[in-house]
Amino acid sequence: MSLNKVMLIGNLGRDPEVRHLESGTVNATFTLATSERYRDRTTGETKEQTEWHNIVCWRQLAEFSENYLKKGTQIFVEGKLRSRSYTDQNGNVRYVTEIVADSIQLLGRKSDNSAQTQQPVRPVQTAQPAQSVQPIVDEGDDLPF
């Protein structure tokens, strides 16, 4: 069994960069800053360490990002880590680690967000057929113990 899951709360470092591919698929990328505050043991002063994450969104999440996210927006992102490599123009191999978003939820005050909803946005999964759920029916007290 394995698990590849990332959960982040942070602020967008820039407006999403959106691409509309020839196939009609929409892609959005942006950076997310997460900060950690701690007290330095030697000096006693409060310090802050900021980590930057590259977020990649596809299809409905990319459209949501295009319409509702902007620099500074606080969000909650769930996704998975993906590492890949590419060759730059000089022939050097570059490595990048990014988070492919599965869901995004707006956080913060409503006045901070241009969206009217605080519900998480999840892409529609059409690859798996819907399973019917049978309700649990209480048929009395016929317990075997």
N, C-alpha and C. Protein backbone atom coordinates (compact mmCIF):
# COMPACT_ATOMS: atom_id res chain seq x y z
N MET A 1 0.84 -1.17 0.00
CA MET A 1 0.00 0.00 0.00
C MET A 1 0.89 1.24 0.00
N SER A 2 0.48 2.26 -0.72
CA SER A 2 1.24 3.51 -0.74
C SER A 2 0.27 4.69 -0.72
N LEU A 3 0.77 5.84 -0.34
CA LEU A 3 -0.06 7.04 -0.24
C LEU A 3 0.78 8.23 -0.68
N ASN A 4 0.22 9.03 -1.56
CA ASN A 4 0.86 10.25 -2.03
C ASN A 4 -0.16 11.36 -1.85
N LYS A 5 -0.14 12.05 -0.72
CA LYS A 5 -1.14 13.07 -0.40
C LYS A 5 -0.45 14.27 0.25
N VAL A 6 -0.84 15.45 -0.22
CA VAL A 6 -0.32 16.70 0.31
C VAL A 6 -1.50 17.58 0.70
N MET A 7 -1.42 18.21 1.86
CA MET A 7 -2.43 19.17 2.29
C MET A 7 -1.70 20.44 2.71
N LEU A 8 -2.05 21.57 2.10
CA LEU A 8 -1.39 22.83 2.36
C LEU A 8 -2.40 23.94 2.60
N ILE A 9 -2.09 24.83 3.51
CA ILE A 9 -2.83 26.08 3.68
C ILE A 9 -1.82 27.20 3.51
N GLY A 10 -2.10 28.10 2.58
CA GLY A 10 -1.17 29.19 2.34
C GLY A 10 -1.79 30.26 1.46
N ASN A 11 -0.95 31.20 1.05
CA ASN A 11 -1.38 32.32 0.22
C ASN A 11 -0.73 32.25 -1.15
N LEU A 12 -1.50 32.61 -2.18
CA LEU A 12 -0.97 32.61 -3.54
C LEU A 12 0.11 33.68 -3.66
N GLY A 13 1.23 33.29 -4.29
CA GLY A 13 2.33 34.22 -4.49
C GLY A 13 2.18 35.03 -5.76
N ARG A 14 1.33 34.58 -6.66
CA ARG A 14 1.07 35.30 -7.92
C ARG A 14 -0.27 34.84 -8.47
N ASP A 15 -0.81 35.61 -9.40
CA ASP A 15 -2.05 35.20 -10.06
C ASP A 15 -1.81 33.91 -10.83
N PRO A 16 -2.83 33.05 -10.92
CA PRO A 16 -2.66 31.81 -11.69
C PRO A 16 -2.34 32.10 -13.15
N GLU A 17 -1.44 31.30 -13.70
CA GLU A 17 -1.12 31.37 -15.13
C GLU A 17 -1.92 30.26 -15.81
N VAL A 18 -2.84 30.66 -16.69
CA VAL A 18 -3.79 29.71 -17.28
C VAL A 18 -3.46 29.49 -18.74
N ARG A 19 -3.51 28.21 -19.16
CA ARG A 19 -3.29 27.84 -20.55
C ARG A 19 -4.49 27.04 -21.04
N HIS A 20 -4.94 27.34 -22.24
CA HIS A 20 -6.01 26.58 -22.89
C HIS A 20 -5.34 25.77 -24.00
N LEU A 21 -5.26 24.47 -23.81
CA LEU A 21 -4.57 23.60 -24.76
C LEU A 21 -5.44 23.36 -25.99
N GLU A 22 -4.82 22.90 -27.07
CA GLU A 22 -5.53 22.64 -28.32
C GLU A 22 -6.65 21.62 -28.15
N SER A 23 -6.47 20.69 -27.23
CA SER A 23 -7.47 19.65 -26.99
C SER A 23 -8.69 20.20 -26.24
N GLY A 24 -8.61 21.45 -25.77
CA GLY A 24 -9.71 22.03 -25.00
C GLY A 24 -9.49 21.94 -23.51
N THR A 25 -8.47 21.22 -23.09
CA THR A 25 -8.16 21.08 -21.67
C THR A 25 -7.56 22.37 -21.15
N VAL A 26 -7.93 22.73 -19.92
CA VAL A 26 -7.43 23.95 -19.29
C VAL A 26 -6.42 23.55 -18.22
N ASN A 27 -5.33 24.31 -18.14
CA ASN A 27 -4.27 24.08 -17.17
C ASN A 27 -3.95 25.39 -16.48
N ALA A 28 -3.77 25.36 -15.16
CA ALA A 28 -3.39 26.55 -14.42
C ALA A 28 -2.24 26.21 -13.48
N THR A 29 -1.30 27.13 -13.34
CA THR A 29 -0.20 26.97 -12.41
C THR A 29 -0.06 28.24 -11.58
N PHE A 30 0.34 28.08 -10.33
CA PHE A 30 0.61 29.22 -9.46
C PHE A 30 1.50 28.76 -8.32
N THR A 31 2.05 29.71 -7.59
CA THR A 31 2.87 29.39 -6.43
C THR A 31 2.06 29.65 -5.16
N LEU A 32 2.34 28.85 -4.14
CA LEU A 32 1.66 28.96 -2.85
C LEU A 32 2.73 29.07 -1.77
N ALA A 33 2.60 30.06 -0.91
CA ALA A 33 3.54 30.27 0.19
C ALA A 33 2.95 29.74 1.49
N THR A 34 3.71 28.89 2.17
CA THR A 34 3.33 28.46 3.51
C THR A 34 4.40 28.96 4.46
N SER A 35 4.00 29.50 5.60
CA SER A 35 4.95 30.09 6.55
C SER A 35 4.87 29.41 7.89
N GLU A 36 6.01 29.31 8.53
CA GLU A 36 6.12 28.73 9.86
C GLU A 36 6.83 29.73 10.76
N ARG A 37 6.23 30.01 11.90
CA ARG A 37 6.84 30.93 12.87
C ARG A 37 7.37 30.12 14.05
N TYR A 38 8.54 30.52 14.51
CA TYR A 38 9.13 29.86 15.66
C TYR A 38 9.99 30.86 16.43
N ARG A 39 10.28 30.51 17.69
CA ARG A 39 11.10 31.37 18.53
C ARG A 39 12.52 30.80 18.55
N ASP A 40 13.47 31.64 18.19
CA ASP A 40 14.87 31.25 18.19
C ASP A 40 15.31 31.02 19.64
N ARG A 41 15.89 29.85 19.92
CA ARG A 41 16.28 29.50 21.30
C ARG A 41 17.42 30.36 21.83
N THR A 42 18.31 30.78 20.96
CA THR A 42 19.47 31.54 21.43
C THR A 42 19.16 33.02 21.64
N THR A 43 18.41 33.62 20.71
CA THR A 43 18.14 35.06 20.81
C THR A 43 16.76 35.36 21.40
N GLY A 44 15.85 34.39 21.36
CA GLY A 44 14.51 34.61 21.89
C GLY A 44 13.59 35.37 20.95
N GLU A 45 14.10 35.76 19.79
CA GLU A 45 13.25 36.50 18.86
C GLU A 45 12.43 35.55 17.98
N THR A 46 11.28 36.04 17.53
CA THR A 46 10.41 35.25 16.66
C THR A 46 10.91 35.35 15.23
N LYS A 47 11.04 34.18 14.60
CA LYS A 47 11.50 34.13 13.20
C LYS A 47 10.42 33.47 12.37
N GLU A 48 10.46 33.76 11.08
CA GLU A 48 9.49 33.18 10.16
C GLU A 48 10.24 32.56 8.99
N GLN A 49 9.83 31.33 8.65
CA GLN A 49 10.42 30.63 7.51
C GLN A 49 9.30 30.35 6.51
N THR A 50 9.48 30.80 5.28
CA THR A 50 8.48 30.64 4.23
C THR A 50 8.96 29.60 3.22
N GLU A 51 8.07 28.69 2.88
CA GLU A 51 8.34 27.66 1.88
C GLU A 51 7.43 27.94 0.68
N TRP A 52 7.97 27.83 -0.54
CA TRP A 52 7.20 28.08 -1.76
C TRP A 52 6.90 26.76 -2.46
N HIS A 53 5.67 26.58 -2.89
CA HIS A 53 5.22 25.35 -3.55
C HIS A 53 4.65 25.69 -4.92
N ASN A 54 4.98 24.88 -5.92
CA ASN A 54 4.41 25.03 -7.26
C ASN A 54 3.15 24.17 -7.34
N ILE A 55 2.01 24.79 -7.64
CA ILE A 55 0.72 24.11 -7.71
C ILE A 55 0.29 24.03 -9.17
N VAL A 56 -0.19 22.86 -9.58
CA VAL A 56 -0.69 22.63 -10.94
C VAL A 56 -2.14 22.17 -10.85
N CYS A 57 -3.02 22.81 -11.61
CA CYS A 57 -4.44 22.46 -11.65
C CYS A 57 -4.83 22.12 -13.09
N TRP A 58 -5.77 21.21 -13.22
CA TRP A 58 -6.27 20.80 -14.53
C TRP A 58 -7.78 20.93 -14.58
N ARG A 59 -8.31 21.13 -15.77
CA ARG A 59 -9.73 21.11 -16.10
C ARG A 59 -10.55 22.04 -15.21
N GLN A 60 -11.50 21.50 -14.46
CA GLN A 60 -12.42 22.34 -13.67
C GLN A 60 -11.70 23.14 -12.60
N LEU A 61 -10.69 22.54 -11.97
CA LEU A 61 -9.93 23.29 -10.97
C LEU A 61 -9.15 24.44 -11.60
N ALA A 62 -8.68 24.24 -12.82
CA ALA A 62 -7.97 25.31 -13.53
C ALA A 62 -8.93 26.45 -13.86
N GLU A 63 -10.14 26.12 -14.28
CA GLU A 63 -11.15 27.15 -14.56
C GLU A 63 -11.53 27.89 -13.28
N PHE A 64 -11.68 27.15 -12.18
CA PHE A 64 -11.97 27.77 -10.88
C PHE A 64 -10.84 28.73 -10.50
N SER A 65 -9.60 28.28 -10.68
CA SER A 65 -8.44 29.11 -10.35
C SER A 65 -8.43 30.39 -11.18
N GLU A 66 -8.74 30.26 -12.45
CA GLU A 66 -8.76 31.41 -13.34
C GLU A 66 -9.80 32.43 -12.89
N ASN A 67 -10.96 31.95 -12.45
CA ASN A 67 -12.07 32.84 -12.12
C ASN A 67 -12.01 33.42 -10.70
N TYR A 68 -11.47 32.67 -9.73
CA TYR A 68 -11.62 33.07 -8.33
C TYR A 68 -10.32 33.30 -7.56
N LEU A 69 -9.19 32.86 -8.07
CA LEU A 69 -7.96 33.02 -7.32
C LEU A 69 -7.14 34.19 -7.84
N LYS A 70 -6.49 34.87 -6.92
CA LYS A 70 -5.60 35.97 -7.28
C LYS A 70 -4.48 36.03 -6.25
N LYS A 71 -3.46 36.78 -6.55
CA LYS A 71 -2.32 36.92 -5.65
C LYS A 71 -2.79 37.32 -4.25
N GLY A 72 -2.29 36.61 -3.24
CA GLY A 72 -2.63 36.91 -1.86
C GLY A 72 -3.80 36.11 -1.30
N THR A 73 -4.60 35.46 -2.15
CA THR A 73 -5.75 34.68 -1.68
C THR A 73 -5.27 33.52 -0.82
N GLN A 74 -5.93 33.34 0.33
CA GLN A 74 -5.60 32.22 1.20
C GLN A 74 -6.46 31.02 0.80
N ILE A 75 -5.81 29.87 0.58
CA ILE A 75 -6.54 28.67 0.16
C ILE A 75 -6.03 27.44 0.90
N PHE A 76 -6.86 26.39 0.86
CA PHE A 76 -6.50 25.06 1.32
C PHE A 76 -6.43 24.18 0.07
N VAL A 77 -5.30 23.52 -0.15
CA VAL A 77 -5.10 22.68 -1.33
C VAL A 77 -4.84 21.25 -0.89
N GLU A 78 -5.54 20.32 -1.51
CA GLU A 78 -5.23 18.90 -1.34
C GLU A 78 -4.77 18.39 -2.69
N GLY A 79 -3.74 17.57 -2.69
CA GLY A 79 -3.24 17.04 -3.95
C GLY A 79 -2.19 15.98 -3.73
N LYS A 80 -1.37 15.79 -4.76
CA LYS A 80 -0.31 14.78 -4.70
C LYS A 80 0.98 15.36 -5.26
N LEU A 81 2.10 14.86 -4.75
CA LEU A 81 3.41 15.29 -5.23
C LEU A 81 3.74 14.64 -6.56
N ARG A 82 4.35 15.42 -7.42
CA ARG A 82 4.82 14.89 -8.70
C ARG A 82 6.18 15.52 -8.99
N SER A 83 7.14 14.67 -9.28
CA SER A 83 8.47 15.14 -9.66
C SER A 83 8.68 14.83 -11.13
N ARG A 84 9.29 15.75 -11.84
CA ARG A 84 9.55 15.53 -13.26
C ARG A 84 10.83 16.26 -13.63
N SER A 85 11.35 15.91 -14.78
CA SER A 85 12.56 16.57 -15.27
C SER A 85 12.32 17.07 -16.70
N TYR A 86 13.08 18.07 -17.07
CA TYR A 86 13.02 18.60 -18.43
C TYR A 86 14.39 19.15 -18.79
N THR A 87 14.61 19.35 -20.06
CA THR A 87 15.87 19.90 -20.55
C THR A 87 15.65 21.35 -20.95
N ASP A 88 16.44 22.25 -20.38
CA ASP A 88 16.27 23.67 -20.70
C ASP A 88 16.94 23.99 -22.04
N GLN A 89 16.91 25.27 -22.43
CA GLN A 89 17.43 25.69 -23.73
C GLN A 89 18.92 25.47 -23.88
N ASN A 90 19.64 25.42 -22.76
CA ASN A 90 21.09 25.22 -22.79
C ASN A 90 21.48 23.75 -22.76
N GLY A 91 20.49 22.86 -22.74
CA GLY A 91 20.76 21.42 -22.71
C GLY A 91 20.94 20.86 -21.32
N ASN A 92 20.72 21.69 -20.29
CA ASN A 92 20.85 21.22 -18.91
C ASN A 92 19.54 20.54 -18.47
N VAL A 93 19.68 19.43 -17.74
CA VAL A 93 18.50 18.74 -17.22
C VAL A 93 18.10 19.43 -15.92
N ARG A 94 16.85 19.82 -15.84
CA ARG A 94 16.30 20.48 -14.65
C ARG A 94 15.26 19.56 -14.02
N TYR A 95 15.18 19.61 -12.70
CA TYR A 95 14.21 18.81 -11.95
C TYR A 95 13.27 19.74 -11.21
N VAL A 96 12.00 19.39 -11.19
CA VAL A 96 11.01 20.21 -10.51
C VAL A 96 10.05 19.28 -9.75
N THR A 97 9.66 19.71 -8.57
CA THR A 97 8.66 19.01 -7.78
C THR A 97 7.47 19.94 -7.65
N GLU A 98 6.29 19.43 -7.94
CA GLU A 98 5.08 20.24 -7.90
C GLU A 98 3.94 19.46 -7.26
N ILE A 99 2.92 20.17 -6.85
CA ILE A 99 1.73 19.56 -6.28
C ILE A 99 0.63 19.63 -7.33
N VAL A 100 0.11 18.47 -7.71
CA VAL A 100 -1.03 18.42 -8.63
C VAL A 100 -2.28 18.44 -7.77
N ALA A 101 -3.06 19.51 -7.86
CA ALA A 101 -4.21 19.72 -6.98
C ALA A 101 -5.37 18.79 -7.32
N ASP A 102 -5.95 18.21 -6.27
CA ASP A 102 -7.18 17.42 -6.38
C ASP A 102 -8.39 18.24 -5.95
N SER A 103 -8.18 19.16 -4.99
CA SER A 103 -9.26 20.04 -4.55
C SER A 103 -8.67 21.33 -4.00
N ILE A 104 -9.48 22.38 -4.08
CA ILE A 104 -9.09 23.70 -3.57
C ILE A 104 -10.28 24.26 -2.81
N GLN A 105 -9.98 24.85 -1.64
CA GLN A 105 -11.03 25.50 -0.86
C GLN A 105 -10.55 26.90 -0.48
N LEU A 106 -11.40 27.88 -0.73
CA LEU A 106 -11.08 29.26 -0.36
C LEU A 106 -11.16 29.41 1.14
N LEU A 107 -10.22 30.15 1.72
CA LEU A 107 -10.19 30.42 3.15
C LEU A 107 -10.14 31.92 3.38
N GLY A 108 -10.06 32.32 4.62
CA GLY A 108 -9.98 33.73 4.95
C GLY A 108 -11.35 34.36 4.98
N ARG A 109 -11.36 35.68 5.08
CA ARG A 109 -12.62 36.42 5.11
C ARG A 109 -13.24 36.48 3.73
N LYS A 110 -14.56 36.55 3.67
CA LYS A 110 -15.24 36.62 2.37
C LYS A 110 -14.82 37.86 1.60
N SER A 111 -14.52 38.95 2.30
CA SER A 111 -14.10 40.17 1.61
C SER A 111 -12.73 39.99 0.95
N ASP A 112 -11.94 39.01 1.45
CA ASP A 112 -10.64 38.73 0.85
C ASP A 112 -10.77 37.96 -0.45
N ASN A 113 -11.87 37.21 -0.61
CA ASN A 113 -12.06 36.35 -1.76
C ASN A 113 -13.11 36.93 -2.68
N SER A 114 -12.89 36.77 -3.97
CA SER A 114 -13.88 37.25 -4.93
C SER A 114 -14.94 36.20 -5.19
N ALA A 115 -14.85 35.03 -4.56
CA ALA A 115 -15.83 33.96 -4.76
C ALA A 115 -16.94 34.07 -3.72
N GLN A 116 -18.10 33.56 -4.05
CA GLN A 116 -19.23 33.59 -3.15
C GLN A 116 -19.36 32.30 -2.35
N THR A 117 -18.60 31.29 -2.70
CA THR A 117 -18.74 29.99 -2.05
C THR A 117 -17.50 29.63 -1.27
N GLN A 118 -17.67 28.90 -0.19
CA GLN A 118 -16.56 28.42 0.60
C GLN A 118 -16.43 26.91 0.48
N GLN A 119 -17.14 26.29 -0.44
CA GLN A 119 -17.13 24.85 -0.62
C GLN A 119 -15.91 24.42 -1.41
N PRO A 120 -15.34 23.24 -1.10
CA PRO A 120 -14.21 22.76 -1.89
C PRO A 120 -14.65 22.42 -3.31
N VAL A 121 -13.73 22.60 -4.24
CA VAL A 121 -14.01 22.29 -5.63
C VAL A 121 -13.26 21.02 -5.97
N ARG A 122 -13.97 20.01 -6.42
CA ARG A 122 -13.35 18.74 -6.78
C ARG A 122 -13.71 18.43 -8.23
N PRO A 123 -12.75 17.93 -8.99
CA PRO A 123 -13.07 17.59 -10.38
C PRO A 123 -14.01 16.40 -10.44
N VAL A 124 -14.81 16.35 -11.49
CA VAL A 124 -15.73 15.25 -11.70
C VAL A 124 -14.92 14.04 -12.12
N GLN A 125 -15.16 12.91 -11.47
CA GLN A 125 -14.43 11.69 -11.80
C GLN A 125 -15.35 10.81 -12.62
N THR A 126 -15.08 10.75 -13.91
CA THR A 126 -15.92 9.96 -14.81
C THR A 126 -15.33 8.60 -15.11
N ALA A 127 -14.11 8.35 -14.63
CA ALA A 127 -13.45 7.08 -14.95
C ALA A 127 -14.05 5.91 -14.19
N GLN A 128 -14.62 6.18 -13.01
CA GLN A 128 -15.17 5.10 -12.21
C GLN A 128 -16.69 5.21 -12.20
N PRO A 129 -17.39 4.09 -12.43
CA PRO A 129 -18.85 4.14 -12.40
C PRO A 129 -19.34 4.37 -10.98
N ALA A 130 -20.46 5.06 -10.87
CA ALA A 130 -21.04 5.32 -9.56
C ALA A 130 -21.56 4.03 -8.96
N GLN A 131 -21.32 3.86 -7.67
CA GLN A 131 -21.79 2.68 -6.97
C GLN A 131 -23.02 3.05 -6.17
N SER A 132 -24.02 2.18 -6.20
CA SER A 132 -25.22 2.48 -5.43
C SER A 132 -25.00 2.08 -3.98
N VAL A 133 -25.53 2.86 -3.08
CA VAL A 133 -25.38 2.61 -1.66
C VAL A 133 -26.72 2.12 -1.13
N GLN A 134 -26.71 0.98 -0.47
CA GLN A 134 -27.92 0.43 0.11
C GLN A 134 -28.11 1.01 1.50
N PRO A 135 -29.30 1.52 1.82
CA PRO A 135 -29.53 2.07 3.15
C PRO A 135 -29.54 0.96 4.20
N ILE A 136 -29.12 1.30 5.40
CA ILE A 136 -29.15 0.36 6.51
C ILE A 136 -30.55 0.41 7.11
N VAL A 137 -31.18 -0.73 7.18
CA VAL A 137 -32.55 -0.81 7.70
C VAL A 137 -32.52 -1.53 9.05
N ASP A 138 -33.07 -0.89 10.07
CA ASP A 138 -33.14 -1.49 11.39
C ASP A 138 -34.39 -2.37 11.44
N GLU A 139 -34.18 -3.67 11.52
CA GLU A 139 -35.32 -4.61 11.51
C GLU A 139 -35.62 -5.17 12.89
N GLY A 140 -35.39 -4.41 13.90
CA GLY A 140 -35.71 -4.87 15.24
C GLY A 140 -34.46 -5.18 16.03
N ASP A 141 -34.65 -5.99 17.06
CA ASP A 141 -33.58 -6.29 17.98
C ASP A 141 -33.17 -7.74 17.90
N ASP A 142 -32.96 -8.28 16.71
CA ASP A 142 -32.62 -9.68 16.51
C ASP A 142 -31.11 -9.87 16.47
N LEU A 143 -30.41 -9.33 17.46
CA LEU A 143 -28.97 -9.44 17.49
C LEU A 143 -28.57 -10.82 18.02
N PRO A 144 -27.54 -11.44 17.46
CA PRO A 144 -27.15 -12.78 17.87
C PRO A 144 -26.39 -12.84 19.20
N PHE A 145 -26.20 -11.76 19.87
CA PHE A 145 -25.47 -11.80 21.14
C PHE A 145 -26.22 -11.13 22.25
